[in-house]
Amino acid sequence: MKLSVDVIKLANELKNKHETIVSNQLARSATSVCANIAESKYGHSRADFIAKMEIALKETNETSKWLEILFKTDYIDEKTLREIEKTCSTIRILLIASCKTAKKNDKKV
C-alpha cells in the first residue's frame, strides 16, 4: 500500500506543476499493484492467484517506467525516483518469489 500512497501524493504534487498525462498513468499503475495484490488473496484458484500476482508484477514494472520518464523530463528529482523505485524493487522481488512458489506448488497438486 505504501507504493500507492507515495505515488498518489507525488501525482498530486505533479498536478501543481501542470503535469497530468504521465502522473495519471503513474497513479493508475501504482494503485493497480495494490489492488491486484489485494484481489489475489481471495482468488478462486491458484491459477487466479498467480494471474493477479503477475498483473501486479507487470504494473510494478510499468510504474518504474513512468517514474523513469518523469525523472528524465525533470518532473521529479533523483531522490524521489530512488525512494519510490526502492519500494517498486522490493515489491517486484516479493511478487516474483510468490509467483515462482505458487507455480511450483501448482505442479505438485
PDB file of N, CA and C in Angstrom:
ATOM      1  N   MET A   1       0.821  -1.185   0.000  1.00  0.00           N
ATOM      2  CA  MET A   1       0.000   0.000   0.000  1.00  0.00           C
ATOM      3  C   MET A   1       0.874   1.262   0.000  1.00  0.00           C
ATOM      4  N   LYS A   2       2.081   1.156   0.554  1.00  0.00           N
ATOM      5  CA  LYS A   2       2.996   2.296   0.595  1.00  0.00           C
ATOM      6  C   LYS A   2       3.231   2.870  -0.801  1.00  0.00           C
ATOM      7  N   LEU A   3       3.424   2.007  -1.770  1.00  0.00           N
ATOM      8  CA  LEU A   3       3.659   2.465  -3.137  1.00  0.00           C
ATOM      9  C   LEU A   3       2.495   3.324  -3.626  1.00  0.00           C
ATOM     10  N   SER A   4       1.284   2.840  -3.436  1.00  0.00           N
ATOM     11  CA  SER A   4       0.102   3.580  -3.896  1.00  0.00           C
ATOM     12  C   SER A   4       0.000   4.944  -3.219  1.00  0.00           C
ATOM     13  N   VAL A   5       0.202   4.969  -1.918  1.00  0.00           N
ATOM     14  CA  VAL A   5       0.095   6.223  -1.167  1.00  0.00           C
ATOM     15  C   VAL A   5       1.170   7.214  -1.611  1.00  0.00           C
ATOM     16  N   ASP A   6       2.410   6.740  -1.710  1.00  0.00           N
ATOM     17  CA  ASP A   6       3.507   7.620  -2.137  1.00  0.00           C
ATOM     18  C   ASP A   6       3.275   8.175  -3.539  1.00  0.00           C
ATOM     19  N   VAL A   7       2.789   7.335  -4.427  1.00  0.00           N
ATOM     20  CA  VAL A   7       2.567   7.777  -5.810  1.00  0.00           C
ATOM     21  C   VAL A   7       1.386   8.740  -5.906  1.00  0.00           C
ATOM     22  N   ILE A   8       0.342   8.511  -5.157  1.00  0.00           N
ATOM     23  CA  ILE A   8      -0.792   9.445  -5.173  1.00  0.00           C
ATOM     24  C   ILE A   8      -0.345  10.822  -4.677  1.00  0.00           C
ATOM     25  N   LYS A   9       0.465  10.834  -3.622  1.00  0.00           N
ATOM     26  CA  LYS A   9       0.999  12.114  -3.130  1.00  0.00           C
ATOM     27  C   LYS A   9       1.853  12.788  -4.203  1.00  0.00           C
ATOM     28  N   LEU A  10       2.701  12.005  -4.860  1.00  0.00           N
ATOM     29  CA  LEU A  10       3.540  12.540  -5.929  1.00  0.00           C
ATOM     30  C   LEU A  10       2.680  13.063  -7.080  1.00  0.00           C
ATOM     31  N   ALA A  11       1.671  12.310  -7.463  1.00  0.00           N
ATOM     32  CA  ALA A  11       0.790  12.727  -8.563  1.00  0.00           C
ATOM     33  C   ALA A  11       0.107  14.054  -8.240  1.00  0.00           C
ATOM     34  N   ASN A  12      -0.286  14.223  -6.990  1.00  0.00           N
ATOM     35  CA  ASN A  12      -0.898  15.497  -6.592  1.00  0.00           C
ATOM     36  C   ASN A  12       0.100  16.650  -6.703  1.00  0.00           C
ATOM     37  N   GLU A  13       1.357  16.397  -6.331  1.00  0.00           N
ATOM     38  CA  GLU A  13       2.402  17.419  -6.480  1.00  0.00           C
ATOM     39  C   GLU A  13       2.626  17.751  -7.956  1.00  0.00           C
ATOM     40  N   LEU A  14       2.621  16.722  -8.787  1.00  0.00           N
ATOM     41  CA  LEU A  14       2.855  16.923 -10.217  1.00  0.00           C
ATOM     42  C   LEU A  14       1.732  17.722 -10.872  1.00  0.00           C
ATOM     43  N   LYS A  15       0.526  17.553 -10.375  1.00  0.00           N
ATOM     44  CA  LYS A  15      -0.597  18.330 -10.922  1.00  0.00           C
ATOM     45  C   LYS A  15      -0.382  19.824 -10.688  1.00  0.00           C
ATOM     46  N   ASN A  16       0.283  20.155  -9.569  1.00  0.00           N
ATOM     47  CA  ASN A  16       0.608  21.562  -9.302  1.00  0.00           C
ATOM     48  C   ASN A  16       1.632  22.096 -10.299  1.00  0.00           C
ATOM     49  N   LYS A  17       2.406  21.192 -10.898  1.00  0.00           N
ATOM     50  CA  LYS A  17       3.384  21.570 -11.924  1.00  0.00           C
ATOM     51  C   LYS A  17       2.769  21.473 -13.323  1.00  0.00           C
ATOM     52  N   HIS A  18       1.471  21.231 -13.355  1.00  0.00           N
ATOM     53  CA  HIS A  18       0.713  21.104 -14.608  1.00  0.00           C
ATOM     54  C   HIS A  18       1.137  19.887 -15.429  1.00  0.00           C
ATOM     55  N   GLU A  19       1.588  18.854 -14.757  1.00  0.00           N
ATOM     56  CA  GLU A  19       1.913  17.595 -15.434  1.00  0.00           C
ATOM     57  C   GLU A  19       0.827  16.611 -15.038  1.00  0.00           C
ATOM     58  N   THR A  20      -0.013  16.235 -15.980  1.00  0.00           N
ATOM     59  CA  THR A  20      -1.112  15.325 -15.649  1.00  0.00           C
ATOM     60  C   THR A  20      -1.101  14.040 -16.461  1.00  0.00           C
ATOM     61  N   ILE A  21      -0.565  14.066 -17.647  1.00  0.00           N
ATOM     62  CA  ILE A  21      -0.641  12.885 -18.517  1.00  0.00           C
ATOM     63  C   ILE A  21       0.106  11.707 -17.908  1.00  0.00           C
ATOM     64  N   VAL A  22       1.382  11.888 -17.644  1.00  0.00           N
ATOM     65  CA  VAL A  22       2.186  10.786 -17.107  1.00  0.00           C
ATOM     66  C   VAL A  22       1.825  10.517 -15.651  1.00  0.00           C
ATOM     67  N   SER A  23       1.545  11.568 -14.884  1.00  0.00           N
ATOM     68  CA  SER A  23       1.212  11.353 -13.473  1.00  0.00           C
ATOM     69  C   SER A  23      -0.078  10.550 -13.321  1.00  0.00           C
ATOM     70  N   ASN A  24      -1.036  10.743 -14.215  1.00  0.00           N
ATOM     71  CA  ASN A  24      -2.258   9.929 -14.173  1.00  0.00           C
ATOM     72  C   ASN A  24      -1.949   8.467 -14.477  1.00  0.00           C
ATOM     73  N   GLN A  25      -1.103   8.229 -15.466  1.00  0.00           N
ATOM     74  CA  GLN A  25      -0.709   6.850 -15.795  1.00  0.00           C
ATOM     75  C   GLN A  25       0.050   6.222 -14.628  1.00  0.00           C
ATOM     76  N   LEU A  26       0.940   7.004 -14.025  1.00  0.00           N
ATOM     77  CA  LEU A  26       1.704   6.535 -12.871  1.00  0.00           C
ATOM     78  C   LEU A  26       0.773   6.145 -11.728  1.00  0.00           C
ATOM     79  N   ALA A  27      -0.187   6.994 -11.430  1.00  0.00           N
ATOM     80  CA  ALA A  27      -1.131   6.710 -10.346  1.00  0.00           C
ATOM     81  C   ALA A  27      -1.956   5.459 -10.646  1.00  0.00           C
ATOM     82  N   ARG A  28      -2.379   5.301 -11.890  1.00  0.00           N
ATOM     83  CA  ARG A  28      -3.163   4.112 -12.258  1.00  0.00           C
ATOM     84  C   ARG A  28      -2.350   2.833 -12.078  1.00  0.00           C
ATOM     85  N   SER A  29      -1.112   2.844 -12.562  1.00  0.00           N
ATOM     86  CA  SER A  29      -0.311   1.619 -12.477  1.00  0.00           C
ATOM     87  C   SER A  29       0.046   1.298 -11.030  1.00  0.00           C
ATOM     88  N   ALA A  30       0.405   2.308 -10.244  1.00  0.00           N
ATOM     89  CA  ALA A  30       0.793   2.064  -8.851  1.00  0.00           C
ATOM     90  C   ALA A  30      -0.380   1.579  -8.005  1.00  0.00           C
ATOM     91  N   THR A  31      -1.553   2.175  -8.196  1.00  0.00           N
ATOM     92  CA  THR A  31      -2.706   1.720  -7.421  1.00  0.00           C
ATOM     93  C   THR A  31      -3.179   0.346  -7.888  1.00  0.00           C
ATOM     94  N   SER A  32      -2.932   0.023  -9.141  1.00  0.00           N
ATOM     95  CA  SER A  32      -3.274  -1.303  -9.655  1.00  0.00           C
ATOM     96  C   SER A  32      -2.439  -2.392  -8.988  1.00  0.00           C
ATOM     97  N   VAL A  33      -1.197  -2.062  -8.650  1.00  0.00           N
ATOM     98  CA  VAL A  33      -0.340  -3.029  -7.946  1.00  0.00           C
ATOM     99  C   VAL A  33      -1.021  -3.442  -6.651  1.00  0.00           C
ATOM    100  N   CYS A  34      -1.389  -2.456  -5.856  1.00  0.00           N
ATOM    101  CA  CYS A  34      -2.030  -2.718  -4.565  1.00  0.00           C
ATOM    102  C   CYS A  34      -3.357  -3.463  -4.741  1.00  0.00           C
ATOM    103  N   ALA A  35      -4.149  -3.042  -5.705  1.00  0.00           N
ATOM    104  CA  ALA A  35      -5.457  -3.665  -5.934  1.00  0.00           C
ATOM    105  C   ALA A  35      -5.323  -5.127  -6.349  1.00  0.00           C
ATOM    106  N   ASN A  36      -4.390  -5.427  -7.241  1.00  0.00           N
ATOM    107  CA  ASN A  36      -4.231  -6.808  -7.698  1.00  0.00           C
ATOM    108  C   ASN A  36      -3.667  -7.718  -6.617  1.00  0.00           C
ATOM    109  N   ILE A  37      -2.778  -7.190  -5.789  1.00  0.00           N
ATOM    110  CA  ILE A  37      -2.280  -7.988  -4.668  1.00  0.00           C
ATOM    111  C   ILE A  37      -3.436  -8.289  -3.714  1.00  0.00           C
ATOM    112  N   ALA A  38      -4.264  -7.289  -3.444  1.00  0.00           N
ATOM    113  CA  ALA A  38      -5.423  -7.497  -2.564  1.00  0.00           C
ATOM    114  C   ALA A  38      -6.381  -8.526  -3.157  1.00  0.00           C
ATOM    115  N   GLU A  39      -6.648  -8.423  -4.456  1.00  0.00           N
ATOM    116  CA  GLU A  39      -7.544  -9.376  -5.113  1.00  0.00           C
ATOM    117  C   GLU A  39      -6.975 -10.791  -5.100  1.00  0.00           C
ATOM    118  N   SER A  40      -5.666 -10.912  -5.203  1.00  0.00           N
ATOM    119  CA  SER A  40      -5.046 -12.241  -5.258  1.00  0.00           C
ATOM    120  C   SER A  40      -5.286 -13.034  -3.979  1.00  0.00           C
ATOM    121  N   LYS A  41      -5.451 -12.344  -2.881  1.00  0.00           N
ATOM    122  CA  LYS A  41      -5.662 -13.019  -1.593  1.00  0.00           C
ATOM    123  C   LYS A  41      -6.967 -13.808  -1.575  1.00  0.00           C
ATOM    124  N   TYR A  42      -7.893 -13.420  -2.429  1.00  0.00           N
ATOM    125  CA  TYR A  42      -9.189 -14.090  -2.475  1.00  0.00           C
ATOM    126  C   TYR A  42      -9.452 -14.702  -3.844  1.00  0.00           C
ATOM    127  N   GLY A  43      -8.383 -15.150  -4.480  1.00  0.00           N
ATOM    128  CA  GLY A  43      -8.517 -15.772  -5.790  1.00  0.00           C
ATOM    129  C   GLY A  43      -9.362 -17.032  -5.720  1.00  0.00           C
ATOM    130  N   HIS A  44     -10.037 -17.334  -6.817  1.00  0.00           N
ATOM    131  CA  HIS A  44     -10.892 -18.517  -6.880  1.00  0.00           C
ATOM    132  C   HIS A  44     -10.077 -19.798  -6.984  1.00  0.00           C
ATOM    133  N   SER A  45      -8.847 -19.658  -7.412  1.00  0.00           N
ATOM    134  CA  SER A  45      -7.982 -20.820  -7.598  1.00  0.00           C
ATOM    135  C   SER A  45      -6.531 -20.357  -7.523  1.00  0.00           C
ATOM    136  N   ARG A  46      -5.638 -21.318  -7.521  1.00  0.00           N
ATOM    137  CA  ARG A  46      -4.213 -20.982  -7.541  1.00  0.00           C
ATOM    138  C   ARG A  46      -3.872 -20.242  -8.838  1.00  0.00           C
ATOM    139  N   ALA A  47      -4.485 -20.670  -9.940  1.00  0.00           N
ATOM    140  CA  ALA A  47      -4.249 -20.002 -11.223  1.00  0.00           C
ATOM    141  C   ALA A  47      -4.701 -18.542 -11.166  1.00  0.00           C
ATOM    142  N   ASP A  48      -5.826 -18.286 -10.512  1.00  0.00           N
ATOM    143  CA  ASP A  48      -6.321 -16.919 -10.359  1.00  0.00           C
ATOM    144  C   ASP A  48      -5.353 -16.105  -9.495  1.00  0.00           C
ATOM    145  N   PHE A  49      -4.862 -16.714  -8.424  1.00  0.00           N
ATOM    146  CA  PHE A  49      -3.872 -16.067  -7.561  1.00  0.00           C
ATOM    147  C   PHE A  49      -2.637 -15.681  -8.371  1.00  0.00           C
ATOM    148  N   ILE A  50      -2.124 -16.628  -9.135  1.00  0.00           N
ATOM    149  CA  ILE A  50      -0.925 -16.390  -9.949  1.00  0.00           C
ATOM    150  C   ILE A  50      -1.182 -15.284 -10.972  1.00  0.00           C
ATOM    151  N   ALA A  51      -2.334 -15.329 -11.614  1.00  0.00           N
ATOM    152  CA  ALA A  51      -2.665 -14.313 -12.625  1.00  0.00           C
ATOM    153  C   ALA A  51      -2.681 -12.911 -12.016  1.00  0.00           C
ATOM    154  N   LYS A  52      -3.292 -12.766 -10.849  1.00  0.00           N
ATOM    155  CA  LYS A  52      -3.349 -11.453 -10.190  1.00  0.00           C
ATOM    156  C   LYS A  52      -1.957 -10.987  -9.782  1.00  0.00           C
ATOM    157  N   MET A  53      -1.138 -11.902  -9.284  1.00  0.00           N
ATOM    158  CA  MET A  53       0.222 -11.542  -8.879  1.00  0.00           C
ATOM    159  C   MET A  53       1.059 -11.144 -10.094  1.00  0.00           C
ATOM    160  N   GLU A  54       0.861 -11.830 -11.210  1.00  0.00           N
ATOM    161  CA  GLU A  54       1.600 -11.479 -12.428  1.00  0.00           C
ATOM    162  C   GLU A  54       1.157 -10.125 -12.980  1.00  0.00           C
ATOM    163  N   ILE A  55      -0.120  -9.813 -12.862  1.00  0.00           N
ATOM    164  CA  ILE A  55      -0.596  -8.489 -13.270  1.00  0.00           C
ATOM    165  C   ILE A  55       0.047  -7.427 -12.379  1.00  0.00           C
ATOM    166  N   ALA A  56       0.092  -7.692 -11.080  1.00  0.00           N
ATOM    167  CA  ALA A  56       0.725  -6.747 -10.152  1.00  0.00           C
ATOM    168  C   ALA A  56       2.194  -6.537 -10.516  1.00  0.00           C
ATOM    169  N   LEU A  57       2.867  -7.606 -10.911  1.00  0.00           N
ATOM    170  CA  LEU A  57       4.270  -7.504 -11.322  1.00  0.00           C
ATOM    171  C   LEU A  57       4.407  -6.613 -12.565  1.00  0.00           C
ATOM    172  N   LYS A  58       3.536  -6.830 -13.535  1.00  0.00           N
ATOM    173  CA  LYS A  58       3.570  -6.001 -14.749  1.00  0.00           C
ATOM    174  C   LYS A  58       3.293  -4.533 -14.421  1.00  0.00           C
ATOM    175  N   GLU A  59       2.358  -4.300 -13.537  1.00  0.00           N
ATOM    176  CA  GLU A  59       2.024  -2.927 -13.147  1.00  0.00           C
ATOM    177  C   GLU A  59       3.175  -2.281 -12.372  1.00  0.00           C
ATOM    178  N   THR A  60       3.901  -3.073 -11.595  1.00  0.00           N
ATOM    179  CA  THR A  60       5.081  -2.559 -10.894  1.00  0.00           C
ATOM    180  C   THR A  60       6.130  -2.116 -11.902  1.00  0.00           C
ATOM    181  N   ASN A  61       6.336  -2.933 -12.929  1.00  0.00           N
ATOM    182  CA  ASN A  61       7.289  -2.567 -13.980  1.00  0.00           C
ATOM    183  C   ASN A  61       6.843  -1.307 -14.719  1.00  0.00           C
ATOM    184  N   GLU A  62       5.556  -1.204 -14.974  1.00  0.00           N
ATOM    185  CA  GLU A  62       5.031  -0.009 -15.639  1.00  0.00           C
ATOM    186  C   GLU A  62       5.239   1.230 -14.764  1.00  0.00           C
ATOM    187  N   THR A  63       4.993   1.083 -13.480  1.00  0.00           N
ATOM    188  CA  THR A  63       5.207   2.187 -12.544  1.00  0.00           C
ATOM    189  C   THR A  63       6.649   2.667 -12.603  1.00  0.00           C
ATOM    190  N   SER A  64       7.578   1.730 -12.622  1.00  0.00           N
ATOM    191  CA  SER A  64       9.003   2.082 -12.718  1.00  0.00           C
ATOM    192  C   SER A  64       9.302   2.857 -13.997  1.00  0.00           C
ATOM    193  N   LYS A  65       8.692   2.452 -15.077  1.00  0.00           N
ATOM    194  CA  LYS A  65       8.924   3.132 -16.356  1.00  0.00           C
ATOM    195  C   LYS A  65       8.389   4.563 -16.319  1.00  0.00           C
ATOM    196  N   TRP A  66       7.194   4.764 -15.749  1.00  0.00           N
ATOM    197  CA  TRP A  66       6.649   6.119 -15.653  1.00  0.00           C
ATOM    198  C   TRP A  66       7.536   6.988 -14.771  1.00  0.00           C
ATOM    199  N   LEU A  67       8.065   6.417 -13.700  1.00  0.00           N
ATOM    200  CA  LEU A  67       8.975   7.169 -12.831  1.00  0.00           C
ATOM    201  C   LEU A  67      10.219   7.601 -13.597  1.00  0.00           C
ATOM    202  N   GLU A  68      10.744   6.689 -14.386  1.00  0.00           N
ATOM    203  CA  GLU A  68      11.929   6.991 -15.189  1.00  0.00           C
ATOM    204  C   GLU A  68      11.645   8.135 -16.175  1.00  0.00           C
ATOM    205  N   ILE A  69      10.487   8.089 -16.804  1.00  0.00           N
ATOM    206  CA  ILE A  69      10.108   9.146 -17.745  1.00  0.00           C
ATOM    207  C   ILE A  69       9.992  10.493 -17.024  1.00  0.00           C
ATOM    208  N   LEU A  70       9.364  10.485 -15.861  1.00  0.00           N
ATOM    209  CA  LEU A  70       9.230  11.732 -15.100  1.00  0.00           C
ATOM    210  C   LEU A  70      10.590  12.279 -14.679  1.00  0.00           C
ATOM    211  N   PHE A  71      11.497  11.392 -14.323  1.00  0.00           N
ATOM    212  CA  PHE A  71      12.850  11.815 -13.953  1.00  0.00           C
ATOM    213  C   PHE A  71      13.584  12.403 -15.159  1.00  0.00           C
ATOM    214  N   LYS A  72      13.507  11.710 -16.274  1.00  0.00           N
ATOM    215  CA  LYS A  72      14.233  12.155 -17.474  1.00  0.00           C
ATOM    216  C   LYS A  72      13.667  13.440 -18.078  1.00  0.00           C
ATOM    217  N   THR A  73      12.449  13.771 -17.708  1.00  0.00           N
ATOM    218  CA  THR A  73      11.849  15.021 -18.185  1.00  0.00           C
ATOM    219  C   THR A  73      11.862  16.102 -17.095  1.00  0.00           C
ATOM    220  N   ASP A  74      12.622  15.835 -16.040  1.00  0.00           N
ATOM    221  CA  ASP A  74      12.848  16.801 -14.949  1.00  0.00           C
ATOM    222  C   ASP A  74      11.606  17.155 -14.136  1.00  0.00           C
ATOM    223  N   TYR A  75      10.634  16.261 -14.095  1.00  0.00           N
ATOM    224  CA  TYR A  75       9.478  16.490 -13.236  1.00  0.00           C
ATOM    225  C   TYR A  75       9.713  15.991 -11.817  1.00  0.00           C
ATOM    226  N   ILE A  76      10.588  15.003 -11.658  1.00  0.00           N
ATOM    227  CA  ILE A  76      10.950  14.527 -10.323  1.00  0.00           C
ATOM    228  C   ILE A  76      12.467  14.496 -10.217  1.00  0.00           C
ATOM    229  N   ASP A  77      12.946  14.613  -8.979  1.00  0.00           N
ATOM    230  CA  ASP A  77      14.390  14.584  -8.769  1.00  0.00           C
ATOM    231  C   ASP A  77      14.859  13.152  -8.519  1.00  0.00           C
ATOM    232  N   GLU A  78      16.161  12.993  -8.464  1.00  0.00           N
ATOM    233  CA  GLU A  78      16.738  11.658  -8.306  1.00  0.00           C
ATOM    234  C   GLU A  78      16.363  11.027  -6.969  1.00  0.00           C
ATOM    235  N   LYS A  79      16.276  11.831  -5.926  1.00  0.00           N
ATOM    236  CA  LYS A  79      15.905  11.320  -4.599  1.00  0.00           C
ATOM    237  C   LYS A  79      14.509  10.700  -4.634  1.00  0.00           C
ATOM    238  N   THR A  80      13.575  11.401  -5.237  1.00  0.00           N
ATOM    239  CA  THR A  80      12.201  10.892  -5.349  1.00  0.00           C
ATOM    240  C   THR A  80      12.180   9.610  -6.170  1.00  0.00           C
ATOM    241  N   LEU A  81      12.893   9.628  -7.287  1.00  0.00           N
ATOM    242  CA  LEU A  81      12.978   8.434  -8.128  1.00  0.00           C
ATOM    243  C   LEU A  81      13.499   7.254  -7.326  1.00  0.00           C
ATOM    244  N   ARG A  82      14.607   7.443  -6.631  1.00  0.00           N
ATOM    245  CA  ARG A  82      15.224   6.344  -5.869  1.00  0.00           C
ATOM    246  C   ARG A  82      14.327   5.831  -4.750  1.00  0.00           C
ATOM    247  N   GLU A  83      13.675   6.743  -4.044  1.00  0.00           N
ATOM    248  CA  GLU A  83      12.807   6.338  -2.932  1.00  0.00           C
ATOM    249  C   GLU A  83      11.651   5.461  -3.414  1.00  0.00           C
ATOM    250  N   ILE A  84      10.972   5.906  -4.443  1.00  0.00           N
ATOM    251  CA  ILE A  84       9.816   5.143  -4.923  1.00  0.00           C
ATOM    252  C   ILE A  84      10.279   3.896  -5.668  1.00  0.00           C
ATOM    253  N   GLU A  85      11.374   3.998  -6.391  1.00  0.00           N
ATOM    254  CA  GLU A  85      11.899   2.834  -7.113  1.00  0.00           C
ATOM    255  C   GLU A  85      12.356   1.749  -6.136  1.00  0.00           C
ATOM    256  N   LYS A  86      12.839   2.147  -4.976  1.00  0.00           N
ATOM    257  CA  LYS A  86      13.231   1.165  -3.952  1.00  0.00           C
ATOM    258  C   LYS A  86      12.009   0.346  -3.517  1.00  0.00           C
ATOM    259  N   THR A  87      10.899   1.019  -3.337  1.00  0.00           N
ATOM    260  CA  THR A  87       9.656   0.325  -2.989  1.00  0.00           C
ATOM    261  C   THR A  87       9.239  -0.604  -4.123  1.00  0.00           C
ATOM    262  N   CYS A  88       9.333  -0.128  -5.357  1.00  0.00           N
ATOM    263  CA  CYS A  88       8.998  -0.966  -6.521  1.00  0.00           C
ATOM    264  C   CYS A  88       9.879  -2.213  -6.561  1.00  0.00           C
ATOM    265  N   SER A  89      11.156  -2.042  -6.316  1.00  0.00           N
ATOM    266  CA  SER A  89      12.087  -3.178  -6.352  1.00  0.00           C
ATOM    267  C   SER A  89      11.745  -4.212  -5.295  1.00  0.00           C
ATOM    268  N   THR A  90      11.418  -3.743  -4.104  1.00  0.00           N
ATOM    269  CA  THR A  90      11.035  -4.658  -3.023  1.00  0.00           C
ATOM    270  C   THR A  90       9.778  -5.433  -3.399  1.00  0.00           C
ATOM    271  N   ILE A  91       8.791  -4.732  -3.917  1.00  0.00           N
ATOM    272  CA  ILE A  91       7.544  -5.382  -4.338  1.00  0.00           C
ATOM    273  C   ILE A  91       7.826  -6.376  -5.457  1.00  0.00           C
ATOM    274  N   ARG A  92       8.642  -5.974  -6.410  1.00  0.00           N
ATOM    275  CA  ARG A  92       8.981  -6.837  -7.549  1.00  0.00           C
ATOM    276  C   ARG A  92       9.605  -8.149  -7.060  1.00  0.00           C
ATOM    277  N   ILE A  93      10.546  -8.060  -6.144  1.00  0.00           N
ATOM    278  CA  ILE A  93      11.206  -9.250  -5.595  1.00  0.00           C
ATOM    279  C   ILE A  93      10.190 -10.167  -4.929  1.00  0.00           C
ATOM    280  N   LEU A  94       9.307  -9.600  -4.125  1.00  0.00           N
ATOM    281  CA  LEU A  94       8.290 -10.399  -3.430  1.00  0.00           C
ATOM    282  C   LEU A  94       7.303 -11.035  -4.409  1.00  0.00           C
ATOM    283  N   LEU A  95       6.906 -10.291  -5.426  1.00  0.00           N
ATOM    284  CA  LEU A  95       5.962 -10.829  -6.411  1.00  0.00           C
ATOM    285  C   LEU A  95       6.583 -11.959  -7.223  1.00  0.00           C
ATOM    286  N   ILE A  96       7.820 -11.788  -7.640  1.00  0.00           N
ATOM    287  CA  ILE A  96       8.498 -12.848  -8.399  1.00  0.00           C
ATOM    288  C   ILE A  96       8.602 -14.107  -7.551  1.00  0.00           C
ATOM    289  N   ALA A  97       9.000 -13.949  -6.293  1.00  0.00           N
ATOM    290  CA  ALA A  97       9.119 -15.108  -5.401  1.00  0.00           C
ATOM    291  C   ALA A  97       7.763 -15.771  -5.178  1.00  0.00           C
ATOM    292  N   SER A  98       6.727 -14.974  -4.974  1.00  0.00           N
ATOM    293  CA  SER A  98       5.383 -15.528  -4.755  1.00  0.00           C
ATOM    294  C   SER A  98       4.889 -16.287  -5.975  1.00  0.00           C
ATOM    295  N   CYS A  99       5.115 -15.734  -7.154  1.00  0.00           N
ATOM    296  CA  CYS A  99       4.693 -16.404  -8.393  1.00  0.00           C
ATOM    297  C   CYS A  99       5.442 -17.716  -8.585  1.00  0.00           C
ATOM    298  N   LYS A 100       6.739 -17.697  -8.348  1.00  0.00           N
ATOM    299  CA  LYS A 100       7.537 -18.919  -8.502  1.00  0.00           C
ATOM    300  C   LYS A 100       7.071 -19.997  -7.537  1.00  0.00           C
ATOM    301  N   THR A 101       6.844 -19.613  -6.288  1.00  0.00           N
ATOM    302  CA  THR A 101       6.388 -20.578  -5.286  1.00  0.00           C
ATOM    303  C   THR A 101       5.016 -21.127  -5.645  1.00  0.00           C
ATOM    304  N   ALA A 102       4.104 -20.256  -6.040  1.00  0.00           N
ATOM    305  CA  ALA A 102       2.749 -20.702  -6.391  1.00  0.00           C
ATOM    306  C   ALA A 102       2.775 -21.630  -7.598  1.00  0.00           C
ATOM    307  N   LYS A 103       3.592 -21.308  -8.593  1.00  0.00           N
ATOM    308  CA  LYS A 103       3.690 -22.169  -9.779  1.00  0.00           C
ATOM    309  C   LYS A 103       4.313 -23.511  -9.428  1.00  0.00           C
ATOM    310  N   LYS A 104       5.309 -23.494  -8.575  1.00  0.00           N
ATOM    311  CA  LYS A 104       5.961 -24.729  -8.140  1.00  0.00           C
ATOM    312  C   LYS A 104       4.968 -25.606  -7.377  1.00  0.00           C
ATOM    313  N   ASN A 105       4.231 -25.003  -6.465  1.00  0.00           N
ATOM    314  CA  ASN A 105       3.240 -25.753  -5.688  1.00  0.00           C
ATOM    315  C   ASN A 105       2.077 -26.216  -6.553  1.00  0.00           C
ATOM    316  N   ASP A 106       1.768 -25.470  -7.597  1.00  0.00           N
ATOM    317  CA  ASP A 106       0.691 -25.837  -8.512  1.00  0.00           C
ATOM    318  C   ASP A 106       1.030 -27.130  -9.253  1.00  0.00           C
ATOM    319  N   LYS A 107       2.295 -27.313  -9.562  1.00  0.00           N
ATOM    320  CA  LYS A 107       2.735 -28.521 -10.269  1.00  0.00           C
ATOM    321  C   LYS A 107       2.656 -29.752  -9.378  1.00  0.00           C
ATOM    322  N   LYS A 108       2.743 -29.548  -8.063  1.00  0.00           N
ATOM    323  CA  LYS A 108       2.693 -30.664  -7.117  1.00  0.00           C
ATOM    324  C   LYS A 108       1.278 -31.196  -6.944  1.00  0.00           C
ATOM    325  N   VAL A 109       0.298 -30.346  -7.206  1.00  0.00           N
ATOM    326  CA  VAL A 109      -1.103 -30.722  -6.978  1.00  0.00           C
ATOM    327  C   VAL A 109      -1.628 -31.569  -8.094  1.00  0.00           C
TER     328      VAL A 109
END
